[in-house]
Amino acid sequence: MLPEALEHLIRGIVAHPDDVTVKEKDLRRGRMLEVRVNADDVGKVIGRSGRTATALRTVIGALAGDQDVRVDFVDVDRLARRGSAGRRR
């Protein structure tokens, strides 16, 4: 339920809703929701000074109740650049 709720909230914010993916991972200290969006939408999801990201984490934390849930916003563009930079050598 939490991944679907987070995906629904983020799709309402971004310009490219079809590019939004939320993956759920089980970690030792609880669950993690990994959010990936179009590179053009990263700023919208994080917001000024991280306010939008903080608000999304607050809503998901409230929905989770007593469960430990972490929300991680992945910068896909940065990962792609780091991976390709290593291959140039």
PDB file of N, CA and C in Angstrom:
ATOM      1  N   MET A   1       0.808  -1.197   0.000  1.00  0.00           N
ATOM      2  CA  MET A   1       0.000   0.000   0.000  1.00  0.00           C
ATOM      3  C   MET A   1       0.859   1.271   0.000  1.00  0.00           C
ATOM      4  N   LEU A   2       1.949   1.281   0.760  1.00  0.00           N
ATOM      5  CA  LEU A   2       2.798   2.470   0.843  1.00  0.00           C
ATOM      6  C   LEU A   2       3.459   2.836  -0.486  1.00  0.00           C
ATOM      7  N   PRO A   3       4.022   1.862  -1.226  1.00  0.00           N
ATOM      8  CA  PRO A   3       4.618   2.243  -2.516  1.00  0.00           C
ATOM      9  C   PRO A   3       3.601   2.852  -3.478  1.00  0.00           C
ATOM     10  N   GLU A   4       2.402   2.289  -3.492  1.00  0.00           N
ATOM     11  CA  GLU A   4       1.367   2.805  -4.389  1.00  0.00           C
ATOM     12  C   GLU A   4       0.942   4.209  -3.982  1.00  0.00           C
ATOM     13  N   ALA A   5       0.833   4.461  -2.681  1.00  0.00           N
ATOM     14  CA  ALA A   5       0.451   5.789  -2.194  1.00  0.00           C
ATOM     15  C   ALA A   5       1.521   6.817  -2.540  1.00  0.00           C
ATOM     16  N   LEU A   6       2.791   6.461  -2.331  1.00  0.00           N
ATOM     17  CA  LEU A   6       3.879   7.383  -2.643  1.00  0.00           C
ATOM     18  C   LEU A   6       3.939   7.659  -4.148  1.00  0.00           C
ATOM     19  N   GLU A   7       3.780   6.630  -4.944  1.00  0.00           N
ATOM     20  CA  GLU A   7       3.790   6.802  -6.399  1.00  0.00           C
ATOM     21  C   GLU A   7       2.653   7.722  -6.841  1.00  0.00           C
ATOM     22  N   HIS A   8       1.487   7.547  -6.260  1.00  0.00           N
ATOM     23  CA  HIS A   8       0.336   8.390  -6.590  1.00  0.00           C
ATOM     24  C   HIS A   8       0.613   9.857  -6.251  1.00  0.00           C
ATOM     25  N   LEU A   9       1.193  10.110  -5.093  1.00  0.00           N
ATOM     26  CA  LEU A   9       1.507  11.485  -4.695  1.00  0.00           C
ATOM     27  C   LEU A   9       2.531  12.113  -5.633  1.00  0.00           C
ATOM     28  N   ILE A  10       3.559  11.359  -5.974  1.00  0.00           N
ATOM     29  CA  ILE A  10       4.630  11.907  -6.819  1.00  0.00           C
ATOM     30  C   ILE A  10       4.146  12.122  -8.244  1.00  0.00           C
ATOM     31  N   ARG A  11       3.310  11.243  -8.757  1.00  0.00           N
ATOM     32  CA  ARG A  11       2.768  11.420 -10.117  1.00  0.00           C
ATOM     33  C   ARG A  11       1.983  12.732 -10.239  1.00  0.00           C
ATOM     34  N   GLY A  12       1.387  13.178  -9.146  1.00  0.00           N
ATOM     35  CA  GLY A  12       0.650  14.445  -9.160  1.00  0.00           C
ATOM     36  C   GLY A  12       1.540  15.663  -9.174  1.00  0.00           C
ATOM     37  N   ILE A  13       2.806  15.495  -8.841  1.00  0.00           N
ATOM     38  CA  ILE A  13       3.745  16.619  -8.752  1.00  0.00           C
ATOM     39  C   ILE A  13       4.543  16.810 -10.034  1.00  0.00           C
ATOM     40  N   VAL A  14       4.945  15.718 -10.665  1.00  0.00           N
ATOM     41  CA  VAL A  14       5.921  15.765 -11.754  1.00  0.00           C
ATOM     42  C   VAL A  14       5.293  16.045 -13.121  1.00  0.00           C
ATOM     43  N   ALA A  15       6.144  16.434 -14.057  1.00  0.00           N
ATOM     44  CA  ALA A  15       5.707  16.701 -15.421  1.00  0.00           C
ATOM     45  C   ALA A  15       5.682  15.425 -16.274  1.00  0.00           C
ATOM     46  N   HIS A  16       6.436  14.413 -15.854  1.00  0.00           N
ATOM     47  CA  HIS A  16       6.520  13.143 -16.590  1.00  0.00           C
ATOM     48  C   HIS A  16       6.065  12.007 -15.671  1.00  0.00           C
ATOM     49  N   PRO A  17       4.757  11.885 -15.433  1.00  0.00           N
ATOM     50  CA  PRO A  17       4.266  10.878 -14.476  1.00  0.00           C
ATOM     51  C   PRO A  17       4.511   9.432 -14.903  1.00  0.00           C
ATOM     52  N   ASP A  18       4.658   9.183 -16.189  1.00  0.00           N
ATOM     53  CA  ASP A  18       4.890   7.811 -16.645  1.00  0.00           C
ATOM     54  C   ASP A  18       6.291   7.313 -16.298  1.00  0.00           C
ATOM     55  N   ASP A  19       7.206   8.229 -15.978  1.00  0.00           N
ATOM     56  CA  ASP A  19       8.580   7.856 -15.641  1.00  0.00           C
ATOM     57  C   ASP A  19       8.784   7.592 -14.151  1.00  0.00           C
ATOM     58  N   VAL A  20       7.741   7.716 -13.354  1.00  0.00           N
ATOM     59  CA  VAL A  20       7.849   7.536 -11.908  1.00  0.00           C
ATOM     60  C   VAL A  20       7.819   6.043 -11.579  1.00  0.00           C
ATOM     61  N   THR A  21       8.821   5.596 -10.803  1.00  0.00           N
ATOM     62  CA  THR A  21       8.823   4.227 -10.289  1.00  0.00           C
ATOM     63  C   THR A  21       9.171   4.268  -8.810  1.00  0.00           C
ATOM     64  N   VAL A  22       8.504   3.431  -8.046  1.00  0.00           N
ATOM     65  CA  VAL A  22       8.784   3.293  -6.621  1.00  0.00           C
ATOM     66  C   VAL A  22       9.000   1.809  -6.362  1.00  0.00           C
ATOM     67  N   LYS A  23      10.199   1.471  -5.877  1.00  0.00           N
ATOM     68  CA  LYS A  23      10.518   0.079  -5.560  1.00  0.00           C
ATOM     69  C   LYS A  23      10.626  -0.062  -4.051  1.00  0.00           C
ATOM     70  N   GLU A  24      10.095  -1.151  -3.556  1.00  0.00           N
ATOM     71  CA  GLU A  24      10.147  -1.426  -2.122  1.00  0.00           C
ATOM     72  C   GLU A  24      11.249  -2.445  -1.855  1.00  0.00           C
ATOM     73  N   LYS A  25      12.101  -2.132  -0.870  1.00  0.00           N
ATOM     74  CA  LYS A  25      13.175  -3.046  -0.491  1.00  0.00           C
ATOM     75  C   LYS A  25      13.106  -3.287   1.010  1.00  0.00           C
ATOM     76  N   ASP A  26      13.327  -4.512   1.412  1.00  0.00           N
ATOM     77  CA  ASP A  26      13.382  -4.842   2.838  1.00  0.00           C
ATOM     78  C   ASP A  26      14.819  -4.771   3.312  1.00  0.00           C
ATOM     79  N   LEU A  27      15.045  -3.977   4.336  1.00  0.00           N
ATOM     80  CA  LEU A  27      16.365  -3.824   4.932  1.00  0.00           C
ATOM     81  C   LEU A  27      16.331  -4.352   6.360  1.00  0.00           C
ATOM     82  N   ARG A  28      17.496  -4.454   6.981  1.00  0.00           N
ATOM     83  CA  ARG A  28      17.566  -4.931   8.365  1.00  0.00           C
ATOM     84  C   ARG A  28      16.793  -4.034   9.318  1.00  0.00           C
ATOM     85  N   ARG A  29      16.845  -2.740   9.089  1.00  0.00           N
ATOM     86  CA  ARG A  29      16.195  -1.794   9.993  1.00  0.00           C
ATOM     87  C   ARG A  29      14.806  -1.369   9.529  1.00  0.00           C
ATOM     88  N   GLY A  30      14.218  -2.079   8.614  1.00  0.00           N
ATOM     89  CA  GLY A  30      12.887  -1.720   8.135  1.00  0.00           C
ATOM     90  C   GLY A  30      12.824  -1.740   6.622  1.00  0.00           C
ATOM     91  N   ARG A  31      11.831  -1.071   6.102  1.00  0.00           N
ATOM     92  CA  ARG A  31      11.632  -1.030   4.643  1.00  0.00           C
ATOM     93  C   ARG A  31      12.160   0.271   4.079  1.00  0.00           C
ATOM     94  N   MET A  32      12.529   0.215   2.802  1.00  0.00           N
ATOM     95  CA  MET A  32      12.951   1.405   2.090  1.00  0.00           C
ATOM     96  C   MET A  32      12.144   1.497   0.801  1.00  0.00           C
ATOM     97  N   LEU A  33      11.659   2.688   0.516  1.00  0.00           N
ATOM     98  CA  LEU A  33      10.983   2.959  -0.740  1.00  0.00           C
ATOM     99  C   LEU A  33      11.932   3.791  -1.590  1.00  0.00           C
ATOM    100  N   GLU A  34      12.351   3.239  -2.721  1.00  0.00           N
ATOM    101  CA  GLU A  34      13.295   3.909  -3.614  1.00  0.00           C
ATOM    102  C   GLU A  34      12.511   4.561  -4.739  1.00  0.00           C
ATOM    103  N   VAL A  35      12.633   5.871  -4.861  1.00  0.00           N
ATOM    104  CA  VAL A  35      11.873   6.650  -5.836  1.00  0.00           C
ATOM    105  C   VAL A  35      12.793   7.063  -6.982  1.00  0.00           C
ATOM    106  N   ARG A  36      12.343   6.797  -8.195  1.00  0.00           N
ATOM    107  CA  ARG A  36      13.067   7.234  -9.400  1.00  0.00           C
ATOM    108  C   ARG A  36      12.103   8.027 -10.270  1.00  0.00           C
ATOM    109  N   VAL A  37      12.572   9.188 -10.720  1.00  0.00           N
ATOM    110  CA  VAL A  37      11.770  10.049 -11.589  1.00  0.00           C
ATOM    111  C   VAL A  37      12.621  10.498 -12.761  1.00  0.00           C
ATOM    112  N   ASN A  38      11.988  11.109 -13.739  1.00  0.00           N
ATOM    113  CA  ASN A  38      12.689  11.695 -14.879  1.00  0.00           C
ATOM    114  C   ASN A  38      13.668  12.743 -14.357  1.00  0.00           C
ATOM    115  N   ALA A  39      14.812  12.869 -15.006  1.00  0.00           N
ATOM    116  CA  ALA A  39      15.833  13.825 -14.566  1.00  0.00           C
ATOM    117  C   ALA A  39      15.298  15.260 -14.509  1.00  0.00           C
ATOM    118  N   ASP A  40      14.347  15.588 -15.365  1.00  0.00           N
ATOM    119  CA  ASP A  40      13.777  16.935 -15.366  1.00  0.00           C
ATOM    120  C   ASP A  40      12.891  17.192 -14.149  1.00  0.00           C
ATOM    121  N   ASP A  41      12.442  16.131 -13.484  1.00  0.00           N
ATOM    122  CA  ASP A  41      11.502  16.259 -12.369  1.00  0.00           C
ATOM    123  C   ASP A  41      12.150  16.141 -10.992  1.00  0.00           C
ATOM    124  N   VAL A  42      13.449  15.906 -10.932  1.00  0.00           N
ATOM    125  CA  VAL A  42      14.107  15.709  -9.641  1.00  0.00           C
ATOM    126  C   VAL A  42      13.931  16.934  -8.752  1.00  0.00           C
ATOM    127  N   GLY A  43      14.081  18.106  -9.301  1.00  0.00           N
ATOM    128  CA  GLY A  43      13.921  19.334  -8.517  1.00  0.00           C
ATOM    129  C   GLY A  43      12.526  19.508  -7.957  1.00  0.00           C
ATOM    130  N   LYS A  44      11.532  19.096  -8.717  1.00  0.00           N
ATOM    131  CA  LYS A  44      10.149  19.206  -8.253  1.00  0.00           C
ATOM    132  C   LYS A  44       9.884  18.263  -7.090  1.00  0.00           C
ATOM    133  N   VAL A  45      10.448  17.075  -7.150  1.00  0.00           N
ATOM    134  CA  VAL A  45      10.211  16.082  -6.099  1.00  0.00           C
ATOM    135  C   VAL A  45      10.953  16.456  -4.815  1.00  0.00           C
ATOM    136  N   ILE A  46      12.132  17.007  -4.948  1.00  0.00           N
ATOM    137  CA  ILE A  46      12.896  17.395  -3.759  1.00  0.00           C
ATOM    138  C   ILE A  46      12.399  18.725  -3.212  1.00  0.00           C
ATOM    139  N   GLY A  47      12.133  19.685  -4.079  1.00  0.00           N
ATOM    140  CA  GLY A  47      11.601  20.973  -3.651  1.00  0.00           C
ATOM    141  C   GLY A  47      12.671  21.907  -3.105  1.00  0.00           C
ATOM    142  N   ARG A  48      12.267  23.126  -2.803  1.00  0.00           N
ATOM    143  CA  ARG A  48      13.199  24.110  -2.242  1.00  0.00           C
ATOM    144  C   ARG A  48      13.628  23.687  -0.852  1.00  0.00           C
ATOM    145  N   SER A  49      14.925  23.612  -0.680  1.00  0.00           N
ATOM    146  CA  SER A  49      15.516  23.203   0.605  1.00  0.00           C
ATOM    147  C   SER A  49      14.998  21.852   1.080  1.00  0.00           C
ATOM    148  N   GLY A  50      14.534  21.018   0.166  1.00  0.00           N
ATOM    149  CA  GLY A  50      14.075  19.682   0.511  1.00  0.00           C
ATOM    150  C   GLY A  50      12.701  19.627   1.149  1.00  0.00           C
ATOM    151  N   ARG A  51      11.935  20.696   1.033  1.00  0.00           N
ATOM    152  CA  ARG A  51      10.631  20.749   1.695  1.00  0.00           C
ATOM    153  C   ARG A  51       9.634  19.740   1.144  1.00  0.00           C
ATOM    154  N   THR A  52       9.605  19.568  -0.170  1.00  0.00           N
ATOM    155  CA  THR A  52       8.662  18.617  -0.763  1.00  0.00           C
ATOM    156  C   THR A  52       9.037  17.196  -0.366  1.00  0.00           C
ATOM    157  N   ALA A  53      10.323  16.872  -0.418  1.00  0.00           N
ATOM    158  CA  ALA A  53      10.778  15.541  -0.018  1.00  0.00           C
ATOM    159  C   ALA A  53      10.449  15.278   1.447  1.00  0.00           C
ATOM    160  N   THR A  54      10.646  16.258   2.292  1.00  0.00           N
ATOM    161  CA  THR A  54      10.329  16.123   3.713  1.00  0.00           C
ATOM    162  C   THR A  54       8.833  15.905   3.915  1.00  0.00           C
ATOM    163  N   ALA A  55       8.015  16.637   3.170  1.00  0.00           N
ATOM    164  CA  ALA A  55       6.562  16.479   3.278  1.00  0.00           C
ATOM    165  C   ALA A  55       6.135  15.088   2.828  1.00  0.00           C
ATOM    166  N   LEU A  56       6.717  14.587   1.740  1.00  0.00           N
ATOM    167  CA  LEU A  56       6.389  13.240   1.269  1.00  0.00           C
ATOM    168  C   LEU A  56       6.791  12.190   2.302  1.00  0.00           C
ATOM    169  N   ARG A  57       7.967  12.365   2.916  1.00  0.00           N
ATOM    170  CA  ARG A  57       8.407  11.434   3.959  1.00  0.00           C
ATOM    171  C   ARG A  57       7.479  11.477   5.166  1.00  0.00           C
ATOM    172  N   THR A  58       6.993  12.666   5.503  1.00  0.00           N
ATOM    173  CA  THR A  58       6.074  12.805   6.637  1.00  0.00           C
ATOM    174  C   THR A  58       4.759  12.078   6.375  1.00  0.00           C
ATOM    175  N   VAL A  59       4.214  12.240   5.174  1.00  0.00           N
ATOM    176  CA  VAL A  59       2.954  11.581   4.827  1.00  0.00           C
ATOM    177  C   VAL A  59       3.129  10.059   4.845  1.00  0.00           C
ATOM    178  N   ILE A  60       4.202   9.563   4.254  1.00  0.00           N
ATOM    179  CA  ILE A  60       4.441   8.116   4.219  1.00  0.00           C
ATOM    180  C   ILE A  60       4.687   7.594   5.626  1.00  0.00           C
ATOM    181  N   GLY A  61       5.393   8.342   6.450  1.00  0.00           N
ATOM    182  CA  GLY A  61       5.605   7.941   7.839  1.00  0.00           C
ATOM    183  C   GLY A  61       4.296   7.847   8.603  1.00  0.00           C
ATOM    184  N   ALA A  62       3.385   8.778   8.348  1.00  0.00           N
ATOM    185  CA  ALA A  62       2.077   8.745   9.007  1.00  0.00           C
ATOM    186  C   ALA A  62       1.258   7.546   8.536  1.00  0.00           C
ATOM    187  N   LEU A  63       1.327   7.234   7.247  1.00  0.00           N
ATOM    188  CA  LEU A  63       0.605   6.071   6.720  1.00  0.00           C
ATOM    189  C   LEU A  63       1.199   4.757   7.230  1.00  0.00           C
ATOM    190  N   ALA A  64       2.508   4.755   7.475  1.00  0.00           N
ATOM    191  CA  ALA A  64       3.189   3.539   7.912  1.00  0.00           C
ATOM    192  C   ALA A  64       2.879   3.204   9.363  1.00  0.00           C
ATOM    193  N   GLY A  65       2.492   4.190  10.129  1.00  0.00           N
ATOM    194  CA  GLY A  65       2.187   3.932  11.537  1.00  0.00           C
ATOM    195  C   GLY A  65       3.448   3.624  12.323  1.00  0.00           C
ATOM    196  N   ASP A  66       3.478   2.462  12.970  1.00  0.00           N
ATOM    197  CA  ASP A  66       4.632   2.106  13.803  1.00  0.00           C
ATOM    198  C   ASP A  66       5.732   1.377  13.034  1.00  0.00           C
ATOM    199  N   GLN A  67       5.577   1.201  11.733  1.00  0.00           N
ATOM    200  CA  GLN A  67       6.597   0.551  10.907  1.00  0.00           C
ATOM    201  C   GLN A  67       7.715   1.543  10.597  1.00  0.00           C
ATOM    202  N   ASP A  68       8.943   1.038  10.503  1.00  0.00           N
ATOM    203  CA  ASP A  68      10.064   1.866  10.082  1.00  0.00           C
ATOM    204  C   ASP A  68      10.144   1.849   8.564  1.00  0.00           C
ATOM    205  N   VAL A  69       9.920   3.020   7.952  1.00  0.00           N
ATOM    206  CA  VAL A  69       9.970   3.135   6.495  1.00  0.00           C
ATOM    207  C   VAL A  69      10.860   4.316   6.136  1.00  0.00           C
ATOM    208  N   ARG A  70      11.783   4.063   5.218  1.00  0.00           N
ATOM    209  CA  ARG A  70      12.687   5.110   4.748  1.00  0.00           C
ATOM    210  C   ARG A  70      12.348   5.393   3.289  1.00  0.00           C
ATOM    211  N   VAL A  71      12.339   6.667   2.913  1.00  0.00           N
ATOM    212  CA  VAL A  71      12.083   7.051   1.524  1.00  0.00           C
ATOM    213  C   VAL A  71      13.381   7.613   0.962  1.00  0.00           C
ATOM    214  N   ASP A  72      13.851   7.038  -0.141  1.00  0.00           N
ATOM    215  CA  ASP A  72      15.111   7.432  -0.755  1.00  0.00           C
ATOM    216  C   ASP A  72      14.839   7.905  -2.178  1.00  0.00           C
ATOM    217  N   PHE A  73      15.259   9.122  -2.480  1.00  0.00           N
ATOM    218  CA  PHE A  73      15.101   9.676  -3.823  1.00  0.00           C
ATOM    219  C   PHE A  73      16.418   9.495  -4.559  1.00  0.00           C
ATOM    220  N   VAL A  74      16.405   8.703  -5.617  1.00  0.00           N
ATOM    221  CA  VAL A  74      17.610   8.353  -6.352  1.00  0.00           C
ATOM    222  C   VAL A  74      17.781   9.313  -7.518  1.00  0.00           C
ATOM    223  N   ASP A  75      18.962   9.905  -7.617  1.00  0.00           N
ATOM    224  CA  ASP A  75      19.288  10.777  -8.737  1.00  0.00           C
ATOM    225  C   ASP A  75      19.845   9.904  -9.851  1.00  0.00           C
ATOM    226  N   VAL A  76      18.977   9.461 -10.736  1.00  0.00           N
ATOM    227  CA  VAL A  76      19.346   8.537 -11.802  1.00  0.00           C
ATOM    228  C   VAL A  76      20.378   9.166 -12.724  1.00  0.00           C
ATOM    229  N   ASP A  77      20.257  10.456 -12.987  1.00  0.00           N
ATOM    230  CA  ASP A  77      21.183  11.158 -13.867  1.00  0.00           C
ATOM    231  C   ASP A  77      22.604  11.100 -13.314  1.00  0.00           C
ATOM    232  N   ARG A  78      22.756  11.322 -12.012  1.00  0.00           N
ATOM    233  CA  ARG A  78      24.080  11.299 -11.397  1.00  0.00           C
ATOM    234  C   ARG A  78      24.679   9.901 -11.453  1.00  0.00           C
ATOM    235  N   LEU A  79      23.865   8.868 -11.207  1.00  0.00           N
ATOM    236  CA  LEU A  79      24.355   7.501 -11.270  1.00  0.00           C
ATOM    237  C   LEU A  79      24.824   7.155 -12.678  1.00  0.00           C
ATOM    238  N   ALA A  80      24.106   7.606 -13.682  1.00  0.00           N
ATOM    239  CA  ALA A  80      24.468   7.327 -15.071  1.00  0.00           C
ATOM    240  C   ALA A  80      25.786   8.016 -15.423  1.00  0.00           C
ATOM    241  N   ARG A  81      25.956   9.244 -14.963  1.00  0.00           N
ATOM    242  CA  ARG A  81      27.196   9.968 -15.255  1.00  0.00           C
ATOM    243  C   ARG A  81      28.388   9.329 -14.561  1.00  0.00           C
ATOM    244  N   ARG A  82      28.189   8.884 -13.322  1.00  0.00           N
ATOM    245  CA  ARG A  82      29.286   8.261 -12.577  1.00  0.00           C
ATOM    246  C   ARG A  82      29.663   6.941 -13.240  1.00  0.00           C
ATOM    247  N   GLY A  83      28.683   6.168 -13.690  1.00  0.00           N
ATOM    248  CA  GLY A  83      28.959   4.893 -14.339  1.00  0.00           C
ATOM    249  C   GLY A  83      29.675   5.058 -15.662  1.00  0.00           C
ATOM    250  N   SER A  84      29.287   6.052 -16.443  1.00  0.00           N
ATOM    251  CA  SER A  84      29.919   6.262 -17.750  1.00  0.00           C
ATOM    252  C   SER A  84      31.292   6.890 -17.597  1.00  0.00           C
ATOM    253  N   ALA A  85      31.528   7.657 -16.544  1.00  0.00           N
ATOM    254  CA  ALA A  85      32.840   8.270 -16.336  1.00  0.00           C
ATOM    255  C   ALA A  85      33.888   7.204 -16.044  1.00  0.00           C
ATOM    256  N   GLY A  86      33.487   6.156 -15.348  1.00  0.00           N
ATOM    257  CA  GLY A  86      34.407   5.081 -15.041  1.00  0.00           C
ATOM    258  C   GLY A  86      34.781   4.259 -16.259  1.00  0.00           C
ATOM    259  N   ARG A  87      33.931   4.232 -17.263  1.00  0.00           N
ATOM    260  CA  ARG A  87      34.196   3.437 -18.459  1.00  0.00           C
ATOM    261  C   ARG A  87      35.105   4.154 -19.450  1.00  0.00           C
ATOM    262  N   ARG A  88      35.291   5.440 -19.301  1.00  0.00           N
ATOM    263  CA  ARG A  88      36.096   6.195 -20.269  1.00  0.00           C
ATOM    264  C   ARG A  88      37.586   5.897 -20.152  1.00  0.00           C
ATOM    265  N   ARG A  89      38.010   5.433 -19.027  1.00  0.00           N
ATOM    266  CA  ARG A  89      39.452   5.215 -18.801  1.00  0.00           C
ATOM    267  C   ARG A  89      40.033   4.196 -19.699  1.00  0.00           C
TER     268      ARG A  89
END
